[in-house]
All heavy atoms as atom14 arrays in JSON, in Angstrom:
{
  "sequence": "STNIKGYKVYDLFEPKAVPFLVRAGTTFETRVNPSGANLYRF",
  "atom14_mask": [
    [1, 1, 1, 1, 1, 1, 0, 0, 0, 0, 0, 0, 0, 0],
    [1, 1, 1, 1, 1, 1, 1, 0, 0, 0, 0, 0, 0, 0],
    [1, 1, 1, 1, 1, 1, 1, 1, 0, 0, 0, 0, 0, 0],
    [1, 1, 1, 1, 1, 1, 1, 1, 0, 0, 0, 0, 0, 0],
    [1, 1, 1, 1, 1, 1, 1, 1, 1, 0, 0, 0, 0, 0],
    [1, 1, 1, 1, 0, 0, 0, 0, 0, 0, 0, 0, 0, 0],
    [1, 1, 1, 1, 1, 1, 1, 1, 1, 1, 1, 1, 0, 0],
    [1, 1, 1, 1, 1, 1, 1, 1, 1, 0, 0, 0, 0, 0],
    [1, 1, 1, 1, 1, 1, 1, 0, 0, 0, 0, 0, 0, 0],
    [1, 1, 1, 1, 1, 1, 1, 1, 1, 1, 1, 1, 0, 0],
    [1, 1, 1, 1, 1, 1, 1, 1, 0, 0, 0, 0, 0, 0],
    [1, 1, 1, 1, 1, 1, 1, 1, 0, 0, 0, 0, 0, 0],
    [1, 1, 1, 1, 1, 1, 1, 1, 1, 1, 1, 0, 0, 0],
    [1, 1, 1, 1, 1, 1, 1, 1, 1, 0, 0, 0, 0, 0],
    [1, 1, 1, 1, 1, 1, 1, 0, 0, 0, 0, 0, 0, 0],
    [1, 1, 1, 1, 1, 1, 1, 1, 1, 0, 0, 0, 0, 0],
    [1, 1, 1, 1, 1, 0, 0, 0, 0, 0, 0, 0, 0, 0],
    [1, 1, 1, 1, 1, 1, 1, 0, 0, 0, 0, 0, 0, 0],
    [1, 1, 1, 1, 1, 1, 1, 0, 0, 0, 0, 0, 0, 0],
    [1, 1, 1, 1, 1, 1, 1, 1, 1, 1, 1, 0, 0, 0],
    [1, 1, 1, 1, 1, 1, 1, 1, 0, 0, 0, 0, 0, 0],
    [1, 1, 1, 1, 1, 1, 1, 0, 0, 0, 0, 0, 0, 0],
    [1, 1, 1, 1, 1, 1, 1, 1, 1, 1, 1, 0, 0, 0],
    [1, 1, 1, 1, 1, 0, 0, 0, 0, 0, 0, 0, 0, 0],
    [1, 1, 1, 1, 0, 0, 0, 0, 0, 0, 0, 0, 0, 0],
    [1, 1, 1, 1, 1, 1, 1, 0, 0, 0, 0, 0, 0, 0],
    [1, 1, 1, 1, 1, 1, 1, 0, 0, 0, 0, 0, 0, 0],
    [1, 1, 1, 1, 1, 1, 1, 1, 1, 1, 1, 0, 0, 0],
    [1, 1, 1, 1, 1, 1, 1, 1, 1, 0, 0, 0, 0, 0],
    [1, 1, 1, 1, 1, 1, 1, 0, 0, 0, 0, 0, 0, 0],
    [1, 1, 1, 1, 1, 1, 1, 1, 1, 1, 1, 0, 0, 0],
    [1, 1, 1, 1, 1, 1, 1, 0, 0, 0, 0, 0, 0, 0],
    [1, 1, 1, 1, 1, 1, 1, 1, 0, 0, 0, 0, 0, 0],
    [1, 1, 1, 1, 1, 1, 1, 0, 0, 0, 0, 0, 0, 0],
    [1, 1, 1, 1, 1, 1, 0, 0, 0, 0, 0, 0, 0, 0],
    [1, 1, 1, 1, 0, 0, 0, 0, 0, 0, 0, 0, 0, 0],
    [1, 1, 1, 1, 1, 0, 0, 0, 0, 0, 0, 0, 0, 0],
    [1, 1, 1, 1, 1, 1, 1, 1, 0, 0, 0, 0, 0, 0],
    [1, 1, 1, 1, 1, 1, 1, 1, 0, 0, 0, 0, 0, 0],
    [1, 1, 1, 1, 1, 1, 1, 1, 1, 1, 1, 1, 0, 0],
    [1, 1, 1, 1, 1, 1, 1, 1, 1, 1, 1, 0, 0, 0],
    [1, 1, 1, 1, 1, 1, 1, 1, 1, 1, 1, 0, 0, 0]
  ],
  "atom14_positions": [
    [[12.3, -9.59, -7.9], [12.05, -11.01, -8.15], [10.82, -11.2, -9.02], [9.74, -10.65, -8.74], [11.87, -11.75, -6.83], [11.43, -13.07, -7.06], [0.0, 0.0, 0.0], [0.0, 0.0, 0.0], [0.0, 0.0, 0.0], [0.0, 0.0, 0.0], [0.0, 0.0, 0.0], [0.0, 0.0, 0.0], [0.0, 0.0, 0.0], [0.0, 0.0, 0.0]],
    [[10.98, -12.0, -10.08], [9.84, -12.26, -10.96], [8.85, -13.21, -10.33], [7.73, -13.37, -10.82], [10.34, -12.86, -12.29], [11.1, -14.05, -12.02], [11.21, -11.86, -13.04], [0.0, 0.0, 0.0], [0.0, 0.0, 0.0], [0.0, 0.0, 0.0], [0.0, 0.0, 0.0], [0.0, 0.0, 0.0], [0.0, 0.0, 0.0], [0.0, 0.0, 0.0]],
    [[9.24, -13.86, -9.22], [8.34, -14.78, -8.55], [7.25, -14.05, -7.76], [6.19, -14.61, -7.51], [9.12, -15.7, -7.6], [10.04, -16.64, -8.35], [9.7, -17.1, -9.44], [11.2, -16.93, -7.77], [0.0, 0.0, 0.0], [0.0, 0.0, 0.0], [0.0, 0.0, 0.0], [0.0, 0.0, 0.0], [0.0, 0.0, 0.0], [0.0, 0.0, 0.0]],
    [[7.55, -12.81, -7.37], [6.56, -12.05, -6.61], [5.52, -11.48, -7.56], [5.85, -10.76, -8.51], [7.24, -10.92, -5.82], [8.15, -11.5, -4.74], [6.2, -10.01, -5.17], [8.88, -10.47, -3.92], [0.0, 0.0, 0.0], [0.0, 0.0, 0.0], [0.0, 0.0, 0.0], [0.0, 0.0, 0.0], [0.0, 0.0, 0.0], [0.0, 0.0, 0.0]],
    [[4.27, -11.84, -7.31], [3.19, -11.4, -8.19], [2.6, -10.06, -7.75], [1.99, -9.36, -8.55], [2.08, -12.46, -8.22], [2.57, -13.83, -8.67], [3.25, -13.77, -10.03], [3.73, -15.16, -10.47], [4.49, -15.1, -11.74], [0.0, 0.0, 0.0], [0.0, 0.0, 0.0], [0.0, 0.0, 0.0], [0.0, 0.0, 0.0], [0.0, 0.0, 0.0]],
    [[2.77, -9.74, -6.48], [2.2, -8.5, -5.99], [2.41, -8.37, -4.5], [3.19, -9.1, -3.89], [0.0, 0.0, 0.0], [0.0, 0.0, 0.0], [0.0, 0.0, 0.0], [0.0, 0.0, 0.0], [0.0, 0.0, 0.0], [0.0, 0.0, 0.0], [0.0, 0.0, 0.0], [0.0, 0.0, 0.0], [0.0, 0.0, 0.0], [0.0, 0.0, 0.0]],
    [[1.68, -7.43, -3.92], [1.79, -7.16, -2.49], [0.4, -6.97, -1.9], [-0.46, -6.32, -2.5], [2.62, -5.9, -2.23], [4.05, -6.05, -2.68], [4.42, -5.73, -3.98], [5.03, -6.53, -1.81], [5.74, -5.88, -4.41], [6.35, -6.69, -2.23], [6.68, -6.37, -3.52], [7.98, -6.52, -3.94], [0.0, 0.0, 0.0], [0.0, 0.0, 0.0]],
    [[0.21, -7.55, -0.74], [-0.99, -7.29, 0.04], [-0.69, -6.07, 0.9], [0.24, -6.08, 1.72], [-1.34, -8.5, 0.89], [-2.72, -8.45, 1.53], [-2.99, -9.77, 2.24], [-4.42, -9.81, 2.78], [-4.7, -11.09, 3.47], [0.0, 0.0, 0.0], [0.0, 0.0, 0.0], [0.0, 0.0, 0.0], [0.0, 0.0, 0.0], [0.0, 0.0, 0.0]],
    [[-1.45, -5.0, 0.73], [-1.13, -3.71, 1.33], [-2.1, -3.39, 2.47], [-3.32, -3.43, 2.29], [-1.16, -2.59, 0.28], [-0.77, -1.25, 0.9], [-0.22, -2.93, -0.88], [0.0, 0.0, 0.0], [0.0, 0.0, 0.0], [0.0, 0.0, 0.0], [0.0, 0.0, 0.0], [0.0, 0.0, 0.0], [0.0, 0.0, 0.0], [0.0, 0.0, 0.0]],
    [[-1.54, -3.07, 3.62], [-2.31, -2.69, 4.81], [-2.06, -1.22, 5.12], [-0.91, -0.79, 5.22], [-1.89, -3.53, 6.02], [-2.16, -5.0, 5.9], [-1.33, -5.83, 5.13], [-3.24, -5.59, 6.55], [-1.57, -7.18, 5.03], [-3.5, -6.95, 6.46], [-2.65, -7.74, 5.69], [-2.9, -9.09, 5.59], [0.0, 0.0, 0.0], [0.0, 0.0, 0.0]],
    [[-3.12, -0.45, 5.28], [-3.02, 0.95, 5.69], [-2.93, 0.97, 7.22], [-3.91, 0.72, 7.91], [-4.24, 1.72, 5.2], [-4.15, 3.22, 5.5], [-3.36, 3.61, 6.38], [-4.89, 3.99, 4.85], [0.0, 0.0, 0.0], [0.0, 0.0, 0.0], [0.0, 0.0, 0.0], [0.0, 0.0, 0.0], [0.0, 0.0, 0.0], [0.0, 0.0, 0.0]],
    [[-1.75, 1.28, 7.76], [-1.54, 1.17, 9.21], [-2.23, 2.27, 10.0], [-2.45, 2.12, 11.2], [-0.05, 1.15, 9.52], [0.71, -0.04, 8.93], [2.17, -0.02, 9.36], [0.08, -1.36, 9.33], [0.0, 0.0, 0.0], [0.0, 0.0, 0.0], [0.0, 0.0, 0.0], [0.0, 0.0, 0.0], [0.0, 0.0, 0.0], [0.0, 0.0, 0.0]],
    [[-2.56, 3.38, 9.36], [-3.33, 4.41, 10.05], [-4.83, 4.12, 10.01], [-5.62, 4.82, 10.66], [-3.05, 5.79, 9.46], [-1.74, 6.38, 9.91], [-0.79, 6.79, 8.99], [-1.44, 6.52, 11.26], [0.41, 7.34, 9.41], [-0.24, 7.06, 11.69], [0.69, 7.47, 10.76], [0.0, 0.0, 0.0], [0.0, 0.0, 0.0], [0.0, 0.0, 0.0]],
    [[-5.22, 3.11, 9.26], [-6.62, 2.67, 9.19], [-6.64, 1.16, 9.42], [-6.92, 0.38, 8.49], [-7.22, 3.02, 7.83], [-7.27, 4.5, 7.52], [-8.27, 5.26, 8.4], [-9.15, 4.6, 8.99], [-8.16, 6.49, 8.48], [0.0, 0.0, 0.0], [0.0, 0.0, 0.0], [0.0, 0.0, 0.0], [0.0, 0.0, 0.0], [0.0, 0.0, 0.0]],
    [[-6.36, 0.72, 10.64], [-6.19, -0.72, 10.88], [-7.44, -1.56, 10.61], [-7.34, -2.77, 10.42], [-5.8, -0.79, 12.36], [-6.23, 0.53, 12.94], [-6.14, 1.53, 11.85], [0.0, 0.0, 0.0], [0.0, 0.0, 0.0], [0.0, 0.0, 0.0], [0.0, 0.0, 0.0], [0.0, 0.0, 0.0], [0.0, 0.0, 0.0], [0.0, 0.0, 0.0]],
    [[-8.61, -0.92, 10.57], [-9.84, -1.66, 10.29], [-10.14, -1.74, 8.79], [-11.07, -2.44, 8.38], [-11.02, -1.03, 11.02], [-10.9, -1.11, 12.55], [-12.11, -0.49, 13.23], [-11.99, -0.57, 14.75], [-13.15, 0.06, 15.43], [0.0, 0.0, 0.0], [0.0, 0.0, 0.0], [0.0, 0.0, 0.0], [0.0, 0.0, 0.0], [0.0, 0.0, 0.0]],
    [[-9.35, -1.03, 8.0], [-9.58, -1.03, 6.55], [-9.21, -2.38, 5.96], [-8.3, -3.07, 6.43], [-8.78, 0.07, 5.89], [0.0, 0.0, 0.0], [0.0, 0.0, 0.0], [0.0, 0.0, 0.0], [0.0, 0.0, 0.0], [0.0, 0.0, 0.0], [0.0, 0.0, 0.0], [0.0, 0.0, 0.0], [0.0, 0.0, 0.0], [0.0, 0.0, 0.0]],
    [[-9.89, -2.76, 4.93], [-9.62, -4.03, 4.24], [-8.35, -3.89, 3.43], [-8.19, -2.93, 2.66], [-10.79, -4.41, 3.32], [-10.48, -5.68, 2.55], [-12.08, -4.57, 4.13], [0.0, 0.0, 0.0], [0.0, 0.0, 0.0], [0.0, 0.0, 0.0], [0.0, 0.0, 0.0], [0.0, 0.0, 0.0], [0.0, 0.0, 0.0], [0.0, 0.0, 0.0]],
    [[-7.39, -4.81, 3.57], [-6.16, -4.74, 2.76], [-6.47, -4.95, 1.29], [-7.5, -5.53, 0.92], [-5.29, -5.86, 3.32], [-6.25, -6.81, 3.95], [-7.38, -5.97, 4.48], [0.0, 0.0, 0.0], [0.0, 0.0, 0.0], [0.0, 0.0, 0.0], [0.0, 0.0, 0.0], [0.0, 0.0, 0.0], [0.0, 0.0, 0.0], [0.0, 0.0, 0.0]],
    [[-5.6, -4.46, 0.44], [-5.83, -4.55, -1.0], [-4.57, -5.06, -1.69], [-3.47, -5.0, -1.14], [-6.26, -3.21, -1.59], [-5.34, -2.06, -1.28], [-4.33, -1.7, -2.17], [-5.48, -1.33, -0.11], [-3.48, -0.64, -1.89], [-4.64, -0.26, 0.18], [-3.63, 0.08, -0.71], [0.0, 0.0, 0.0], [0.0, 0.0, 0.0], [0.0, 0.0, 0.0]],
    [[-4.73, -5.56, -2.9], [-3.62, -6.15, -3.64], [-3.09, -5.15, -4.67], [-3.86, -4.53, -5.39], [-4.08, -7.42, -4.36], [-2.99, -8.23, -5.06], [-2.02, -8.83, -4.05], [-3.61, -9.32, -5.92], [0.0, 0.0, 0.0], [0.0, 0.0, 0.0], [0.0, 0.0, 0.0], [0.0, 0.0, 0.0], [0.0, 0.0, 0.0], [0.0, 0.0, 0.0]],
    [[-1.77, -5.03, -4.7], [-1.1, -4.21, -5.71], [-0.18, -5.13, -6.49], [0.6, -5.89, -5.9], [-0.29, -3.07, -5.07], [0.5, -2.32, -6.13], [-1.2, -2.12, -4.31], [0.0, 0.0, 0.0], [0.0, 0.0, 0.0], [0.0, 0.0, 0.0], [0.0, 0.0, 0.0], [0.0, 0.0, 0.0], [0.0, 0.0, 0.0], [0.0, 0.0, 0.0]],
    [[-0.24, -5.08, -7.81], [0.59, -5.94, -8.64], [2.05, -5.49, -8.62], [2.33, -4.29, -8.6], [0.08, -5.95, -10.08], [-1.34, -6.48, -10.23], [-1.43, -7.95, -9.88], [-2.81, -8.43, -9.92], [-3.17, -9.66, -9.58], [-2.24, -10.53, -9.18], [-4.43, -10.03, -9.62], [0.0, 0.0, 0.0], [0.0, 0.0, 0.0], [0.0, 0.0, 0.0]],
    [[2.95, -6.43, -8.61], [4.38, -6.12, -8.65], [4.74, -5.46, -9.98], [4.13, -5.74, -11.02], [5.2, -7.38, -8.45], [0.0, 0.0, 0.0], [0.0, 0.0, 0.0], [0.0, 0.0, 0.0], [0.0, 0.0, 0.0], [0.0, 0.0, 0.0], [0.0, 0.0, 0.0], [0.0, 0.0, 0.0], [0.0, 0.0, 0.0], [0.0, 0.0, 0.0]],
    [[5.7, -4.56, -9.93], [6.19, -3.93, -11.15], [5.29, -2.84, -11.68], [5.55, -2.28, -12.75], [0.0, 0.0, 0.0], [0.0, 0.0, 0.0], [0.0, 0.0, 0.0], [0.0, 0.0, 0.0], [0.0, 0.0, 0.0], [0.0, 0.0, 0.0], [0.0, 0.0, 0.0], [0.0, 0.0, 0.0], [0.0, 0.0, 0.0], [0.0, 0.0, 0.0]],
    [[4.2, -2.53, -10.95], [3.3, -1.48, -11.4], [3.53, -0.23, -10.54], [4.51, -0.11, -9.82], [1.85, -1.94, -11.3], [1.54, -2.26, -9.92], [1.61, -3.17, -12.14], [0.0, 0.0, 0.0], [0.0, 0.0, 0.0], [0.0, 0.0, 0.0], [0.0, 0.0, 0.0], [0.0, 0.0, 0.0], [0.0, 0.0, 0.0], [0.0, 0.0, 0.0]],
    [[2.62, 0.72, -10.65], [2.71, 1.94, -9.85], [1.75, 1.86, -8.67], [0.76, 1.12, -8.68], [2.37, 3.18, -10.7], [1.04, 3.05, -11.21], [3.36, 3.34, -11.84], [0.0, 0.0, 0.0], [0.0, 0.0, 0.0], [0.0, 0.0, 0.0], [0.0, 0.0, 0.0], [0.0, 0.0, 0.0], [0.0, 0.0, 0.0], [0.0, 0.0, 0.0]],
    [[2.08, 2.63, -7.65], [1.24, 2.74, -6.45], [0.95, 4.21, -6.24], [1.85, 5.05, -6.3], [1.97, 2.15, -5.25], [1.22, 2.29, -3.95], [0.2, 1.42, -3.63], [1.54, 3.3, -3.05], [-0.51, 1.55, -2.44], [0.85, 3.43, -1.85], [-0.18, 2.56, -1.54], [0.0, 0.0, 0.0], [0.0, 0.0, 0.0], [0.0, 0.0, 0.0]],
    [[-0.3, 4.51, -5.99], [-0.72, 5.9, -5.82], [-1.28, 6.12, -4.43], [-2.05, 5.31, -3.91], [-1.77, 6.27, -6.88], [-2.17, 7.73, -6.88], [-3.12, 8.07, -8.02], [-2.63, 8.22, -9.17], [-4.34, 8.16, -7.77], [0.0, 0.0, 0.0], [0.0, 0.0, 0.0], [0.0, 0.0, 0.0], [0.0, 0.0, 0.0], [0.0, 0.0, 0.0]],
    [[-0.88, 7.22, -3.82], [-1.43, 7.58, -2.5], [-1.54, 9.1, -2.42], [-0.8, 9.82, -3.09], [-0.56, 7.03, -1.36], [-1.22, 7.23, -0.11], [0.81, 7.68, -1.32], [0.0, 0.0, 0.0], [0.0, 0.0, 0.0], [0.0, 0.0, 0.0], [0.0, 0.0, 0.0], [0.0, 0.0, 0.0], [0.0, 0.0, 0.0], [0.0, 0.0, 0.0]],
    [[-2.43, 9.56, -1.59], [-2.69, 11.0, -1.45], [-2.36, 11.41, -0.01], [-2.96, 10.88, 0.93], [-4.15, 11.3, -1.79], [-4.45, 12.77, -2.05], [-5.83, 12.92, -2.68], [-6.1, 14.29, -3.09], [-7.15, 15.0, -2.66], [-8.01, 14.46, -1.81], [-7.32, 16.24, -3.09], [0.0, 0.0, 0.0], [0.0, 0.0, 0.0], [0.0, 0.0, 0.0]],
    [[-1.42, 12.33, 0.14], [-0.88, 12.67, 1.45], [-1.29, 14.09, 1.83], [-1.09, 15.03, 1.04], [0.65, 12.54, 1.48], [1.16, 12.59, 2.91], [1.11, 11.27, 0.79], [0.0, 0.0, 0.0], [0.0, 0.0, 0.0], [0.0, 0.0, 0.0], [0.0, 0.0, 0.0], [0.0, 0.0, 0.0], [0.0, 0.0, 0.0], [0.0, 0.0, 0.0]],
    [[-1.8, 14.26, 3.02], [-2.19, 15.59, 3.49], [-0.97, 16.49, 3.71], [0.13, 15.99, 3.98], [-2.97, 15.48, 4.8], [-4.34, 14.87, 4.62], [-4.81, 14.7, 3.5], [-4.98, 14.53, 5.72], [0.0, 0.0, 0.0], [0.0, 0.0, 0.0], [0.0, 0.0, 0.0], [0.0, 0.0, 0.0], [0.0, 0.0, 0.0], [0.0, 0.0, 0.0]],
    [[-1.14, 17.8, 3.6], [-0.02, 18.71, 3.85], [0.62, 18.45, 5.21], [-0.08, 18.36, 6.23], [-0.67, 20.09, 3.79], [-1.89, 19.91, 2.94], [-2.38, 18.54, 3.23], [0.0, 0.0, 0.0], [0.0, 0.0, 0.0], [0.0, 0.0, 0.0], [0.0, 0.0, 0.0], [0.0, 0.0, 0.0], [0.0, 0.0, 0.0], [0.0, 0.0, 0.0]],
    [[1.93, 18.31, 5.23], [2.76, 18.03, 6.41], [2.33, 16.77, 7.16], [2.7, 16.58, 8.32], [2.81, 19.23, 7.37], [1.57, 19.46, 8.02], [0.0, 0.0, 0.0], [0.0, 0.0, 0.0], [0.0, 0.0, 0.0], [0.0, 0.0, 0.0], [0.0, 0.0, 0.0], [0.0, 0.0, 0.0], [0.0, 0.0, 0.0], [0.0, 0.0, 0.0]],
    [[1.61, 15.89, 6.48], [1.17, 14.64, 7.08], [1.94, 13.45, 6.56], [3.01, 13.58, 5.97], [0.0, 0.0, 0.0], [0.0, 0.0, 0.0], [0.0, 0.0, 0.0], [0.0, 0.0, 0.0], [0.0, 0.0, 0.0], [0.0, 0.0, 0.0], [0.0, 0.0, 0.0], [0.0, 0.0, 0.0], [0.0, 0.0, 0.0], [0.0, 0.0, 0.0]],
    [[1.39, 12.28, 6.78], [2.06, 11.05, 6.33], [1.04, 9.93, 6.18], [0.02, 9.9, 6.88], [3.15, 10.63, 7.31], [0.0, 0.0, 0.0], [0.0, 0.0, 0.0], [0.0, 0.0, 0.0], [0.0, 0.0, 0.0], [0.0, 0.0, 0.0], [0.0, 0.0, 0.0], [0.0, 0.0, 0.0], [0.0, 0.0, 0.0], [0.0, 0.0, 0.0]],
    [[1.33, 9.0, 5.28], [0.62, 7.73, 5.16], [1.63, 6.62, 5.43], [2.79, 6.73, 5.06], [0.01, 7.57, 3.77], [-1.06, 8.62, 3.48], [-1.6, 9.24, 4.39], [-1.34, 8.84, 2.2], [0.0, 0.0, 0.0], [0.0, 0.0, 0.0], [0.0, 0.0, 0.0], [0.0, 0.0, 0.0], [0.0, 0.0, 0.0], [0.0, 0.0, 0.0]],
    [[1.16, 5.56, 6.05], [2.06, 4.46, 6.43], [1.4, 3.14, 6.07], [0.26, 2.86, 6.46], [2.34, 4.52, 7.93], [3.28, 3.46, 8.53], [4.66, 3.54, 7.89], [3.37, 3.64, 10.03], [0.0, 0.0, 0.0], [0.0, 0.0, 0.0], [0.0, 0.0, 0.0], [0.0, 0.0, 0.0], [0.0, 0.0, 0.0], [0.0, 0.0, 0.0]],
    [[2.14, 2.31, 5.31], [1.59, 1.06, 4.81], [2.53, -0.11, 5.13], [3.74, 0.07, 5.33], [1.42, 1.12, 3.29], [0.5, 2.22, 2.81], [1.02, 3.44, 2.37], [-0.87, 2.04, 2.79], [0.18, 4.46, 1.93], [-1.72, 3.04, 2.34], [-1.19, 4.25, 1.91], [-2.02, 5.25, 1.48], [0.0, 0.0, 0.0], [0.0, 0.0, 0.0]],
    [[1.93, -1.3, 5.11], [2.7, -2.53, 5.21], [2.47, -3.32, 3.92], [1.33, -3.65, 3.58], [2.24, -3.33, 6.44], [3.06, -4.57, 6.71], [2.86, -5.02, 8.17], [1.48, -5.36, 8.47], [0.97, -6.6, 8.4], [1.74, -7.6, 8.03], [-0.29, -6.82, 8.71], [0.0, 0.0, 0.0], [0.0, 0.0, 0.0], [0.0, 0.0, 0.0]],
    [[3.57, -3.62, 3.2], [3.5, -4.33, 1.93], [3.98, -5.76, 2.16], [5.17, -5.98, 2.42], [4.4, -3.66, 0.9], [3.82, -2.43, 0.25], [3.57, -1.28, 0.98], [3.52, -2.43, -1.1], [3.05, -0.14, 0.38], [2.99, -1.3, -1.72], [2.75, -0.15, -0.97], [0.0, 0.0, 0.0], [0.0, 0.0, 0.0], [0.0, 0.0, 0.0]]
  ]
}
């Protein structure tokens, strides 16, 4: 949808972390530990 400007992203493994904005249609980068996982709410 062109109406969506972006996403407010919450790091669920770091619930005290400040959420950040990611623009729609762009790339998202994350760094994952070996055999681990990252979990976000967009």
